[in-house]
Amino acid sequence: YTVQAGDNGGLALSALQANGATLTDTAGNALNLALQGVADLSGRSVDTQAPAVTSVAVPAAGSYGAQQTLDFDVHFSEDVVVDTAGGTPRLALDIGGSTAYASYLSGSASNTLHFRYTVAGGLLDADGIAVGALQANGAQLHDAAGNTAALALNAVGSTGGVLVDSVAPQVTGLGATTPIGGDGMFEHGGRFGA
């Protein structure tokens, strides 16, 4: 038997069927169709179903600055093995119109893969980041049977409250109070305001 798409579940042998044929040996004796000495098939199964993303957990709402981390958990319908020999999976993010990537951190051989992005300087997103696509990026993601994982994201948590501000403050102007003397010069103890 050749395994077909859609075949899933445990294996069992119940009977040998002649399927309308007459089975005999060379002397003409009918074949006994009762199965004897069949190996134990418990623990063996067929799996043709690709793992699929069931949900994505996102960072808690709040404002994140430079060098702070944004952690994401991608949950699959079954355990996923991650082979990073050809690259590292990543999760695309839109942070204020700039694309950034949360890189795969851990979780191989489980149903939850962990991704992390460390906020770079110079980014501002005051209305919440957006989660884009899950990308294999040269890696292989598959289940124990070798079925390649489907990477389409489902049930992504709300990121409307995940704000980023890693823009360093800058002095935009400098003012001075009126000098004590009318000559425009500050005397000892004069004050400047910024």
C-alpha atoms as a PDB file:
ATOM      1  CA  TYR A   1       0.000   0.000   0.000  1.00  0.00           C
ATOM      2  CA  THR A   2       1.236   3.483  -0.828  1.00  0.00           C
ATOM      3  CA  VAL A   3       0.281   6.146   1.713  1.00  0.00           C
ATOM      4  CA  GLN A   4      -2.049   8.732   0.174  1.00  0.00           C
ATOM      5  CA  ALA A   5      -2.705  12.359   1.078  1.00  0.00           C
ATOM      6  CA  GLY A   6      -5.316  12.452   3.824  1.00  0.00           C
ATOM      7  CA  ASP A   7      -4.249   9.107   5.348  1.00  0.00           C
ATOM      8  CA  ASN A   8      -3.868   9.745   9.074  1.00  0.00           C
ATOM      9  CA  GLY A   9      -4.114   7.613  12.191  1.00  0.00           C
ATOM     10  CA  GLY A  10      -3.015   4.310  13.655  1.00  0.00           C
ATOM     11  CA  LEU A  11      -2.281   1.126  11.734  1.00  0.00           C
ATOM     12  CA  ALA A  12      -4.104  -2.172  12.131  1.00  0.00           C
ATOM     13  CA  LEU A  13      -4.292  -5.413  10.166  1.00  0.00           C
ATOM     14  CA  SER A  14      -7.650  -7.104  10.446  1.00  0.00           C
ATOM     15  CA  ALA A  15      -7.873  -9.705   7.685  1.00  0.00           C
ATOM     16  CA  LEU A  16      -6.448 -10.875   4.410  1.00  0.00           C
ATOM     17  CA  GLN A  17      -9.062 -10.602   1.680  1.00  0.00           C
ATOM     18  CA  ALA A  18      -9.036 -12.489  -1.613  1.00  0.00           C
ATOM     19  CA  ASN A  19     -11.135  -9.706  -3.146  1.00  0.00           C
ATOM     20  CA  GLY A  20     -13.049 -12.200  -5.323  1.00  0.00           C
ATOM     21  CA  ALA A  21      -9.978 -14.197  -6.359  1.00  0.00           C
ATOM     22  CA  THR A  22      -9.269 -17.867  -5.642  1.00  0.00           C
ATOM     23  CA  LEU A  23      -5.918 -18.325  -3.947  1.00  0.00           C
ATOM     24  CA  THR A  24      -4.374 -21.819  -3.980  1.00  0.00           C
ATOM     25  CA  ASP A  25      -0.980 -23.395  -3.769  1.00  0.00           C
ATOM     26  CA  THR A  26       0.476 -25.415  -6.670  1.00  0.00           C
ATOM     27  CA  ALA A  27      -1.313 -28.549  -5.434  1.00  0.00           C
ATOM     28  CA  GLY A  28      -4.695 -26.744  -5.567  1.00  0.00           C
ATOM     29  CA  ASN A  29      -5.129 -26.335  -1.811  1.00  0.00           C
ATOM     30  CA  ALA A  30      -7.108 -23.192  -0.835  1.00  0.00           C
ATOM     31  CA  LEU A  31      -5.165 -20.541   1.042  1.00  0.00           C
ATOM     32  CA  ASN A  32      -6.133 -20.055   4.708  1.00  0.00           C
ATOM     33  CA  LEU A  33      -6.872 -16.309   4.918  1.00  0.00           C
ATOM     34  CA  ALA A  34      -6.622 -16.108   8.733  1.00  0.00           C
ATOM     35  CA  LEU A  35      -3.753 -13.846   9.825  1.00  0.00           C
ATOM     36  CA  GLN A  36      -1.218 -15.492  12.098  1.00  0.00           C
ATOM     37  CA  GLY A  37       1.921 -14.102  13.697  1.00  0.00           C
ATOM     38  CA  VAL A  38       1.120 -10.491  12.789  1.00  0.00           C
ATOM     39  CA  ALA A  39       3.624  -8.023  14.252  1.00  0.00           C
ATOM     40  CA  ASP A  40       2.401  -5.611  16.917  1.00  0.00           C
ATOM     41  CA  LEU A  41       1.583  -2.326  15.162  1.00  0.00           C
ATOM     42  CA  SER A  42       0.746  -0.310  18.271  1.00  0.00           C
ATOM     43  CA  GLY A  43       2.609   2.980  18.327  1.00  0.00           C
ATOM     44  CA  ARG A  44       2.836   3.089  14.536  1.00  0.00           C
ATOM     45  CA  SER A  45       0.738   5.558  12.603  1.00  0.00           C
ATOM     46  CA  VAL A  46       0.386   7.381   9.318  1.00  0.00           C
ATOM     47  CA  ASP A  47       0.637  11.183   9.246  1.00  0.00           C
ATOM     48  CA  THR A  48       0.141  13.192   6.075  1.00  0.00           C
ATOM     49  CA  GLN A  49      -1.187  16.336   7.776  1.00  0.00           C
ATOM     50  CA  ALA A  50       1.061  19.415   7.768  1.00  0.00           C
ATOM     51  CA  PRO A  51       1.393  21.309  11.051  1.00  0.00           C
ATOM     52  CA  ALA A  52      -0.507  24.618  10.951  1.00  0.00           C
ATOM     53  CA  VAL A  53      -0.287  27.798  13.031  1.00  0.00           C
ATOM     54  CA  THR A  54      -3.196  27.909  15.480  1.00  0.00           C
ATOM     55  CA  SER A  55      -2.370  31.215  17.219  1.00  0.00           C
ATOM     56  CA  VAL A  56       0.315  33.824  17.846  1.00  0.00           C
ATOM     57  CA  ALA A  57       0.891  35.291  21.310  1.00  0.00           C
ATOM     58  CA  VAL A  58       2.282  38.837  21.235  1.00  0.00           C
ATOM     59  CA  PRO A  59       4.069  41.062  23.784  1.00  0.00           C
ATOM     60  CA  ALA A  60       2.058  42.749  26.531  1.00  0.00           C
ATOM     61  CA  ALA A  61       0.693  46.204  25.747  1.00  0.00           C
ATOM     62  CA  GLY A  62       3.131  48.925  26.725  1.00  0.00           C
ATOM     63  CA  SER A  63       5.814  51.207  25.373  1.00  0.00           C
ATOM     64  CA  TYR A  64       9.127  49.588  24.461  1.00  0.00           C
ATOM     65  CA  GLY A  65      12.398  51.484  24.091  1.00  0.00           C
ATOM     66  CA  ALA A  66      15.794  50.764  22.577  1.00  0.00           C
ATOM     67  CA  GLN A  67      17.331  47.408  23.572  1.00  0.00           C
ATOM     68  CA  GLN A  68      14.089  46.135  25.103  1.00  0.00           C
ATOM     69  CA  THR A  69      12.778  42.859  23.722  1.00  0.00           C
ATOM     70  CA  LEU A  70       9.516  41.955  22.019  1.00  0.00           C
ATOM     71  CA  ASP A  71       8.735  38.235  22.432  1.00  0.00           C
ATOM     72  CA  PHE A  72       6.295  36.260  20.283  1.00  0.00           C
ATOM     73  CA  ASP A  73       5.068  32.659  20.638  1.00  0.00           C
ATOM     74  CA  VAL A  74       3.813  30.907  17.506  1.00  0.00           C
ATOM     75  CA  HIS A  75       1.578  27.948  18.415  1.00  0.00           C
ATOM     76  CA  PHE A  76       1.183  25.022  15.983  1.00  0.00           C
ATOM     77  CA  SER A  77      -1.389  22.240  15.725  1.00  0.00           C
ATOM     78  CA  GLU A  78       1.346  19.683  16.531  1.00  0.00           C
ATOM     79  CA  ASP A  79       5.019  19.526  17.455  1.00  0.00           C
ATOM     80  CA  VAL A  80       7.333  21.161  14.910  1.00  0.00           C
ATOM     81  CA  VAL A  81      11.003  20.376  14.335  1.00  0.00           C
ATOM     82  CA  VAL A  82      13.138  23.363  13.279  1.00  0.00           C
ATOM     83  CA  ASP A  83      16.251  22.638  11.209  1.00  0.00           C
ATOM     84  CA  THR A  84      18.356  25.815  11.086  1.00  0.00           C
ATOM     85  CA  ALA A  85      21.171  24.391   8.930  1.00  0.00           C
ATOM     86  CA  GLY A  86      20.091  26.596   5.989  1.00  0.00           C
ATOM     87  CA  GLY A  87      18.878  29.654   7.887  1.00  0.00           C
ATOM     88  CA  THR A  88      16.860  30.927  10.839  1.00  0.00           C
ATOM     89  CA  PRO A  89      13.075  31.343  10.763  1.00  0.00           C
ATOM     90  CA  ARG A  90      11.802  34.843  11.406  1.00  0.00           C
ATOM     91  CA  LEU A  91       8.599  36.756  11.998  1.00  0.00           C
ATOM     92  CA  ALA A  92       8.217  40.002  10.015  1.00  0.00           C
ATOM     93  CA  LEU A  93       7.136  43.084  11.978  1.00  0.00           C
ATOM     94  CA  ASP A  94       6.022  46.535  10.875  1.00  0.00           C
ATOM     95  CA  ILE A  95       7.260  49.126  13.357  1.00  0.00           C
ATOM     96  CA  GLY A  96       6.140  52.594  12.340  1.00  0.00           C
ATOM     97  CA  GLY A  97       6.511  51.778   8.636  1.00  0.00           C
ATOM     98  CA  SER A  98       9.904  50.083   9.029  1.00  0.00           C
ATOM     99  CA  THR A  99      10.283  46.324   8.600  1.00  0.00           C
ATOM    100  CA  ALA A 100      12.040  44.460  11.402  1.00  0.00           C
ATOM    101  CA  TYR A 101      12.334  40.738  12.139  1.00  0.00           C
ATOM    102  CA  ALA A 102      11.817  38.744  15.304  1.00  0.00           C
ATOM    103  CA  SER A 103      14.228  35.810  14.995  1.00  0.00           C
ATOM    104  CA  TYR A 104      13.571  32.221  16.048  1.00  0.00           C
ATOM    105  CA  LEU A 105      14.881  31.670  19.569  1.00  0.00           C
ATOM    106  CA  SER A 106      13.761  28.199  20.714  1.00  0.00           C
ATOM    107  CA  GLY A 107      11.014  25.576  20.784  1.00  0.00           C
ATOM    108  CA  SER A 108      12.046  22.932  18.248  1.00  0.00           C
ATOM    109  CA  ALA A 109      10.270  19.566  18.789  1.00  0.00           C
ATOM    110  CA  SER A 110       7.389  21.293  20.606  1.00  0.00           C
ATOM    111  CA  ASN A 111       4.161  22.920  19.415  1.00  0.00           C
ATOM    112  CA  THR A 112       5.323  26.440  20.398  1.00  0.00           C
ATOM    113  CA  LEU A 113       8.144  28.308  18.693  1.00  0.00           C
ATOM    114  CA  HIS A 114       9.596  31.377  20.438  1.00  0.00           C
ATOM    115  CA  PHE A 115      10.707  34.473  18.496  1.00  0.00           C
ATOM    116  CA  ARG A 116      12.416  37.640  19.794  1.00  0.00           C
ATOM    117  CA  TYR A 117      13.111  41.116  18.461  1.00  0.00           C
ATOM    118  CA  THR A 118      15.430  43.518  20.284  1.00  0.00           C
ATOM    119  CA  VAL A 119      14.268  47.085  19.613  1.00  0.00           C
ATOM    120  CA  ALA A 120      16.797  49.042  17.551  1.00  0.00           C
ATOM    121  CA  GLY A 121      17.329  52.770  18.032  1.00  0.00           C
ATOM    122  CA  GLY A 122      15.509  55.366  15.954  1.00  0.00           C
ATOM    123  CA  LEU A 123      12.090  53.664  15.711  1.00  0.00           C
ATOM    124  CA  LEU A 124       8.747  55.220  16.555  1.00  0.00           C
ATOM    125  CA  ASP A 125       5.346  53.506  16.405  1.00  0.00           C
ATOM    126  CA  ALA A 126       2.669  55.311  18.395  1.00  0.00           C
ATOM    127  CA  ASP A 127      -0.330  53.290  17.127  1.00  0.00           C
ATOM    128  CA  GLY A 128       0.916  49.728  17.644  1.00  0.00           C
ATOM    129  CA  ILE A 129       3.222  47.442  15.726  1.00  0.00           C
ATOM    130  CA  ALA A 130       1.889  44.933  13.192  1.00  0.00           C
ATOM    131  CA  VAL A 131       2.844  41.266  12.807  1.00  0.00           C
ATOM    132  CA  GLY A 132       3.526  40.268   9.193  1.00  0.00           C
ATOM    133  CA  ALA A 133       4.455  36.864   7.793  1.00  0.00           C
ATOM    134  CA  LEU A 134       6.235  33.891   9.349  1.00  0.00           C
ATOM    135  CA  GLN A 135       9.190  33.134   7.063  1.00  0.00           C
ATOM    136  CA  ALA A 136      11.282  29.956   6.932  1.00  0.00           C
ATOM    137  CA  ASN A 137      14.224  32.087   5.741  1.00  0.00           C
ATOM    138  CA  GLY A 138      16.173  29.001   4.591  1.00  0.00           C
ATOM    139  CA  ALA A 139      15.266  26.859   7.590  1.00  0.00           C
ATOM    140  CA  GLN A 140      13.065  23.768   7.454  1.00  0.00           C
ATOM    141  CA  LEU A 141      10.017  23.494   9.710  1.00  0.00           C
ATOM    142  CA  HIS A 142       8.290  20.110   9.727  1.00  0.00           C
ATOM    143  CA  ASP A 143       6.586  17.546  11.955  1.00  0.00           C
ATOM    144  CA  ALA A 144       8.112  14.223  13.026  1.00  0.00           C
ATOM    145  CA  ALA A 145       6.731  12.552   9.870  1.00  0.00           C
ATOM    146  CA  GLY A 146       8.473  15.126   7.648  1.00  0.00           C
ATOM    147  CA  ASN A 147       5.383  17.127   6.635  1.00  0.00           C
ATOM    148  CA  THR A 148       6.423  20.730   5.947  1.00  0.00           C
ATOM    149  CA  ALA A 149       4.696  23.204   8.270  1.00  0.00           C
ATOM    150  CA  ALA A 150       2.166  25.641   6.804  1.00  0.00           C
ATOM    151  CA  LEU A 151       3.401  29.118   7.731  1.00  0.00           C
ATOM    152  CA  ALA A 152       0.169  31.138   7.330  1.00  0.00           C
ATOM    153  CA  LEU A 153      -0.552  32.956  10.594  1.00  0.00           C
ATOM    154  CA  ASN A 154      -3.888  32.501  12.365  1.00  0.00           C
ATOM    155  CA  ALA A 155      -5.374  34.151  15.472  1.00  0.00           C
ATOM    156  CA  VAL A 156      -2.630  36.759  15.921  1.00  0.00           C
ATOM    157  CA  GLY A 157      -3.017  38.594  19.231  1.00  0.00           C
ATOM    158  CA  SER A 158      -3.797  42.315  19.254  1.00  0.00           C
ATOM    159  CA  THR A 159      -0.740  44.559  18.879  1.00  0.00           C
ATOM    160  CA  GLY A 160      -2.572  47.903  18.936  1.00  0.00           C
ATOM    161  CA  GLY A 161      -1.172  48.612  22.397  1.00  0.00           C
ATOM    162  CA  VAL A 162       2.396  47.435  21.668  1.00  0.00           C
ATOM    163  CA  LEU A 163       4.116  50.783  21.143  1.00  0.00           C
ATOM    164  CA  VAL A 164       7.748  51.482  20.281  1.00  0.00           C
ATOM    165  CA  ASP A 165       9.694  54.667  20.969  1.00  0.00           C
ATOM    166  CA  SER A 166      13.435  54.308  20.605  1.00  0.00           C
ATOM    167  CA  VAL A 167      14.051  57.789  19.211  1.00  0.00           C
ATOM    168  CA  ALA A 168      16.534  59.634  21.418  1.00  0.00           C
ATOM    169  CA  PRO A 169      15.293  63.000  22.691  1.00  0.00           C
ATOM    170  CA  GLN A 170      16.940  66.058  21.140  1.00  0.00           C
ATOM    171  CA  VAL A 171      17.242  69.653  22.229  1.00  0.00           C
ATOM    172  CA  THR A 172      15.148  71.670  19.804  1.00  0.00           C
ATOM    173  CA  GLY A 173      15.754  75.120  21.232  1.00  0.00           C
ATOM    174  CA  LEU A 174      17.467  77.061  23.967  1.00  0.00           C
ATOM    175  CA  GLY A 175      16.098  80.151  25.635  1.00  0.00           C
ATOM    176  CA  ALA A 176      17.498  82.552  28.162  1.00  0.00           C
ATOM    177  CA  THR A 177      15.843  84.741  30.744  1.00  0.00           C
ATOM    178  CA  THR A 178      16.413  88.474  30.531  1.00  0.00           C
ATOM    179  CA  PRO A 179      19.789  89.465  31.916  1.00  0.00           C
ATOM    180  CA  ILE A 180      19.765  91.504  35.089  1.00  0.00           C
ATOM    181  CA  GLY A 181      21.706  94.322  33.539  1.00  0.00           C
ATOM    182  CA  GLY A 182      20.228  96.092  30.504  1.00  0.00           C
ATOM    183  CA  ASP A 183      23.402  95.576  28.490  1.00  0.00           C
ATOM    184  CA  GLY A 184      22.569  91.979  27.399  1.00  0.00           C
ATOM    185  CA  MET A 185      25.294  90.553  29.605  1.00  0.00           C
ATOM    186  CA  PHE A 186      24.601  88.069  32.353  1.00  0.00           C
ATOM    187  CA  GLU A 187      26.066  88.807  35.704  1.00  0.00           C
ATOM    188  CA  HIS A 188      27.415  86.336  38.202  1.00  0.00           C
ATOM    189  CA  GLY A 189      24.451  84.150  39.299  1.00  0.00           C
ATOM    190  CA  GLY A 190      22.375  84.965  36.146  1.00  0.00           C
ATOM    191  CA  ARG A 191      20.078  82.173  34.943  1.00  0.00           C
ATOM    192  CA  PHE A 192      19.647  80.413  31.622  1.00  0.00           C
ATOM    193  CA  GLY A 193      16.527  78.385  30.868  1.00  0.00           C
ATOM    194  CA  ALA A 194      16.319  75.456  28.494  1.00  0.00           C
END
